[in-house]
Amino acid sequence: MKGRDLVAWNLRRLRVARELSQDALALEAGVDRTYVGRLERRLENPTIAVLERLASALEVPLVELFIEPLEGSRPPEPLRAGRKVK
């Protein structure tokens, strides 16, 4: 898996694990919700500054966005019931 794919995978994994909607994460990180969605769909290449803000909003070190998933891991599921704000 390459950089953008790792970021997309881990961004969704961490966001869903914390039960944060894209809206809530975007608000906390100071980015647009549609940008978070495009990152998760691998349509954007974020800057380091944006990655730092996302990691901070998720309360994880930046390196967490670059962790290789275990072989055979299933992609993170979306949150149930759409936009859930915690």
N, C-alpha and C. Protein backbone atom coordinates (compact mmCIF):
# COMPACT_ATOMS: atom_id res chain seq x y z
N MET A 1 0.85 -1.17 0.00
CA MET A 1 0.00 0.00 0.00
C MET A 1 0.90 1.24 0.00
N LYS A 2 0.49 2.25 -0.75
CA LYS A 2 1.29 3.47 -0.86
C LYS A 2 0.75 4.57 0.04
N GLY A 3 1.47 5.69 0.13
CA GLY A 3 1.17 6.78 1.04
C GLY A 3 -0.27 7.24 1.08
N ARG A 4 -0.82 7.61 -0.08
CA ARG A 4 -2.19 8.13 -0.10
C ARG A 4 -3.18 7.05 0.33
N ASP A 5 -2.91 5.80 -0.07
CA ASP A 5 -3.78 4.69 0.32
C ASP A 5 -3.71 4.44 1.82
N LEU A 6 -2.51 4.52 2.38
CA LEU A 6 -2.35 4.33 3.83
C LEU A 6 -3.08 5.42 4.61
N VAL A 7 -2.94 6.64 4.16
CA VAL A 7 -3.61 7.75 4.85
C VAL A 7 -5.12 7.55 4.79
N ALA A 8 -5.64 7.21 3.63
CA ALA A 8 -7.09 7.01 3.49
C ALA A 8 -7.58 5.89 4.41
N TRP A 9 -6.88 4.77 4.39
CA TRP A 9 -7.23 3.62 5.22
C TRP A 9 -7.24 3.98 6.70
N ASN A 10 -6.14 4.56 7.14
CA ASN A 10 -5.99 4.88 8.56
C ASN A 10 -6.87 6.03 9.01
N LEU A 11 -7.09 7.00 8.15
CA LEU A 11 -7.97 8.10 8.51
C LEU A 11 -9.37 7.58 8.82
N ARG A 12 -9.89 6.73 7.93
CA ARG A 12 -11.22 6.18 8.18
C ARG A 12 -11.20 5.25 9.39
N ARG A 13 -10.16 4.41 9.51
CA ARG A 13 -10.06 3.47 10.63
C ARG A 13 -10.10 4.22 11.97
N LEU A 14 -9.32 5.25 12.08
CA LEU A 14 -9.24 6.02 13.33
C LEU A 14 -10.52 6.81 13.58
N ARG A 15 -11.07 7.39 12.52
CA ARG A 15 -12.29 8.18 12.67
C ARG A 15 -13.46 7.30 13.11
N VAL A 16 -13.61 6.15 12.47
CA VAL A 16 -14.71 5.24 12.81
C VAL A 16 -14.52 4.67 14.21
N ALA A 17 -13.28 4.33 14.56
CA ALA A 17 -13.01 3.79 15.90
C ALA A 17 -13.41 4.77 17.00
N ARG A 18 -13.31 6.06 16.70
CA ARG A 18 -13.69 7.09 17.67
C ARG A 18 -15.14 7.55 17.49
N GLU A 19 -15.83 6.90 16.56
CA GLU A 19 -17.23 7.22 16.26
C GLU A 19 -17.42 8.69 15.92
N LEU A 20 -16.49 9.23 15.13
CA LEU A 20 -16.58 10.61 14.66
C LEU A 20 -17.11 10.63 13.24
N SER A 21 -18.01 11.54 12.98
CA SER A 21 -18.47 11.74 11.60
C SER A 21 -17.38 12.51 10.85
N GLN A 22 -17.48 12.50 9.54
CA GLN A 22 -16.57 13.33 8.75
C GLN A 22 -16.75 14.79 9.12
N ASP A 23 -18.00 15.18 9.38
CA ASP A 23 -18.28 16.58 9.79
C ASP A 23 -17.53 16.94 11.07
N ALA A 24 -17.63 16.07 12.07
CA ALA A 24 -17.01 16.35 13.37
C ALA A 24 -15.49 16.41 13.24
N LEU A 25 -14.92 15.46 12.51
CA LEU A 25 -13.47 15.46 12.32
C LEU A 25 -13.03 16.71 11.57
N ALA A 26 -13.75 17.04 10.51
CA ALA A 26 -13.40 18.22 9.71
C ALA A 26 -13.45 19.49 10.56
N LEU A 27 -14.49 19.62 11.36
CA LEU A 27 -14.64 20.80 12.22
C LEU A 27 -13.47 20.90 13.20
N GLU A 28 -13.13 19.79 13.83
CA GLU A 28 -12.04 19.76 14.81
C GLU A 28 -10.69 20.06 14.16
N ALA A 29 -10.50 19.56 12.92
CA ALA A 29 -9.21 19.74 12.23
C ALA A 29 -9.15 21.05 11.44
N GLY A 30 -10.28 21.73 11.30
CA GLY A 30 -10.29 22.99 10.55
C GLY A 30 -10.19 22.81 9.05
N VAL A 31 -10.81 21.72 8.55
CA VAL A 31 -10.86 21.48 7.10
C VAL A 31 -12.31 21.25 6.70
N ASP A 32 -12.58 21.28 5.42
CA ASP A 32 -13.93 21.07 4.92
C ASP A 32 -14.31 19.59 4.99
N ARG A 33 -15.58 19.29 5.30
CA ARG A 33 -16.03 17.91 5.38
C ARG A 33 -15.84 17.18 4.06
N THR A 34 -16.09 17.87 2.96
CA THR A 34 -15.92 17.20 1.67
C THR A 34 -14.46 16.83 1.42
N TYR A 35 -13.56 17.61 1.98
CA TYR A 35 -12.13 17.29 1.86
C TYR A 35 -11.80 16.01 2.61
N VAL A 36 -12.36 15.85 3.79
CA VAL A 36 -12.16 14.60 4.56
C VAL A 36 -12.69 13.42 3.74
N GLY A 37 -13.85 13.57 3.16
CA GLY A 37 -14.41 12.51 2.32
C GLY A 37 -13.53 12.18 1.13
N ARG A 38 -12.99 13.22 0.49
CA ARG A 38 -12.10 12.99 -0.66
C ARG A 38 -10.80 12.34 -0.22
N LEU A 39 -10.31 12.67 0.97
CA LEU A 39 -9.11 12.01 1.49
C LEU A 39 -9.39 10.52 1.70
N GLU A 40 -10.53 10.21 2.30
CA GLU A 40 -10.87 8.81 2.57
C GLU A 40 -11.11 8.02 1.29
N ARG A 41 -11.47 8.70 0.21
CA ARG A 41 -11.68 8.03 -1.07
C ARG A 41 -10.44 8.08 -1.96
N ARG A 42 -9.33 8.56 -1.41
CA ARG A 42 -8.05 8.63 -2.11
C ARG A 42 -8.06 9.58 -3.30
N LEU A 43 -8.82 10.64 -3.21
CA LEU A 43 -8.91 11.60 -4.31
C LEU A 43 -8.06 12.84 -4.09
N GLU A 44 -7.50 12.99 -2.89
CA GLU A 44 -6.69 14.16 -2.54
C GLU A 44 -5.34 13.72 -1.99
N ASN A 45 -4.36 14.59 -2.16
CA ASN A 45 -3.04 14.42 -1.56
C ASN A 45 -2.88 15.51 -0.51
N PRO A 46 -3.03 15.17 0.76
CA PRO A 46 -2.96 16.20 1.80
C PRO A 46 -1.54 16.67 2.05
N THR A 47 -1.44 17.89 2.53
CA THR A 47 -0.14 18.41 2.95
C THR A 47 0.18 17.87 4.35
N ILE A 48 1.43 17.99 4.74
CA ILE A 48 1.83 17.57 6.08
C ILE A 48 1.08 18.38 7.13
N ALA A 49 0.86 19.66 6.86
CA ALA A 49 0.13 20.51 7.82
C ALA A 49 -1.28 19.98 8.04
N VAL A 50 -1.96 19.57 6.98
CA VAL A 50 -3.31 19.03 7.12
C VAL A 50 -3.26 17.70 7.86
N LEU A 51 -2.30 16.85 7.54
CA LEU A 51 -2.17 15.57 8.24
C LEU A 51 -1.92 15.78 9.72
N GLU A 52 -1.12 16.78 10.07
CA GLU A 52 -0.87 17.08 11.48
C GLU A 52 -2.14 17.53 12.18
N ARG A 53 -2.96 18.34 11.52
CA ARG A 53 -4.22 18.80 12.11
C ARG A 53 -5.20 17.64 12.27
N LEU A 54 -5.25 16.74 11.28
CA LEU A 54 -6.14 15.57 11.38
C LEU A 54 -5.69 14.65 12.52
N ALA A 55 -4.39 14.40 12.59
CA ALA A 55 -3.86 13.54 13.66
C ALA A 55 -4.15 14.16 15.03
N SER A 56 -3.98 15.45 15.13
CA SER A 56 -4.27 16.14 16.39
C SER A 56 -5.75 16.01 16.75
N ALA A 57 -6.62 16.20 15.77
CA ALA A 57 -8.06 16.09 16.01
C ALA A 57 -8.44 14.66 16.41
N LEU A 58 -7.72 13.68 15.88
CA LEU A 58 -7.96 12.27 16.23
C LEU A 58 -7.23 11.85 17.50
N GLU A 59 -6.41 12.77 18.03
CA GLU A 59 -5.63 12.53 19.25
C GLU A 59 -4.69 11.34 19.11
N VAL A 60 -3.97 11.32 17.96
CA VAL A 60 -2.98 10.27 17.71
C VAL A 60 -1.71 10.93 17.16
N PRO A 61 -0.57 10.25 17.30
CA PRO A 61 0.64 10.78 16.66
C PRO A 61 0.50 10.69 15.13
N LEU A 62 1.15 11.57 14.43
CA LEU A 62 1.09 11.61 12.97
C LEU A 62 1.40 10.26 12.33
N VAL A 63 2.32 9.53 12.90
CA VAL A 63 2.73 8.24 12.34
C VAL A 63 1.57 7.25 12.25
N GLU A 64 0.53 7.42 13.07
CA GLU A 64 -0.64 6.53 13.04
C GLU A 64 -1.34 6.55 11.69
N LEU A 65 -1.18 7.64 10.95
CA LEU A 65 -1.82 7.74 9.64
C LEU A 65 -1.06 6.97 8.56
N PHE A 66 0.10 6.40 8.91
CA PHE A 66 0.93 5.70 7.94
C PHE A 66 1.17 4.23 8.30
N ILE A 67 0.40 3.70 9.22
CA ILE A 67 0.58 2.30 9.63
C ILE A 67 0.03 1.37 8.56
N GLU A 68 0.83 0.37 8.20
CA GLU A 68 0.41 -0.64 7.22
C GLU A 68 -0.62 -1.57 7.87
N PRO A 69 -1.76 -1.79 7.21
CA PRO A 69 -2.73 -2.75 7.76
C PRO A 69 -2.17 -4.17 7.64
N LEU A 70 -2.61 -5.03 8.54
CA LEU A 70 -2.19 -6.42 8.47
C LEU A 70 -2.71 -7.06 7.19
N GLU A 71 -1.97 -7.99 6.65
CA GLU A 71 -2.40 -8.66 5.43
C GLU A 71 -3.76 -9.32 5.65
N GLY A 72 -4.66 -9.10 4.73
CA GLY A 72 -5.99 -9.67 4.84
C GLY A 72 -6.97 -8.84 5.64
N SER A 73 -6.52 -7.68 6.15
CA SER A 73 -7.42 -6.81 6.91
C SER A 73 -8.53 -6.29 6.02
N ARG A 74 -9.72 -6.23 6.58
CA ARG A 74 -10.86 -5.68 5.85
C ARG A 74 -10.87 -4.17 5.99
N PRO A 75 -11.32 -3.48 4.96
CA PRO A 75 -11.40 -2.01 5.06
C PRO A 75 -12.33 -1.59 6.19
N PRO A 76 -12.05 -0.47 6.82
CA PRO A 76 -12.92 0.01 7.90
C PRO A 76 -14.34 0.26 7.38
N GLU A 77 -15.32 -0.14 8.14
CA GLU A 77 -16.72 0.05 7.78
C GLU A 77 -17.11 1.50 8.04
N PRO A 78 -18.05 2.04 7.26
CA PRO A 78 -18.56 3.37 7.57
C PRO A 78 -19.37 3.34 8.85
N LEU A 79 -19.56 4.49 9.46
CA LEU A 79 -20.39 4.56 10.66
C LEU A 79 -21.82 4.20 10.31
N ARG A 80 -22.49 3.53 11.22
CA ARG A 80 -23.91 3.22 11.02
C ARG A 80 -24.72 4.50 11.11
N ALA A 81 -25.82 4.53 10.42
CA ALA A 81 -26.78 5.64 10.45
C ALA A 81 -26.20 6.96 9.95
N GLY A 82 -25.24 6.89 9.05
CA GLY A 82 -24.76 8.11 8.40
C GLY A 82 -23.93 9.00 9.30
N ARG A 83 -24.24 10.27 9.30
CA ARG A 83 -23.44 11.26 10.01
C ARG A 83 -23.71 11.24 11.50
N LYS A 84 -22.82 10.58 12.21
CA LYS A 84 -22.96 10.49 13.67
C LYS A 84 -21.97 11.44 14.29
N VAL A 85 -22.43 12.29 15.12
CA VAL A 85 -21.56 13.27 15.81
C VAL A 85 -21.46 12.88 17.26
N LYS A 86 -20.24 12.83 17.74
CA LYS A 86 -20.00 12.48 19.14
C LYS A 86 -19.55 13.69 19.90
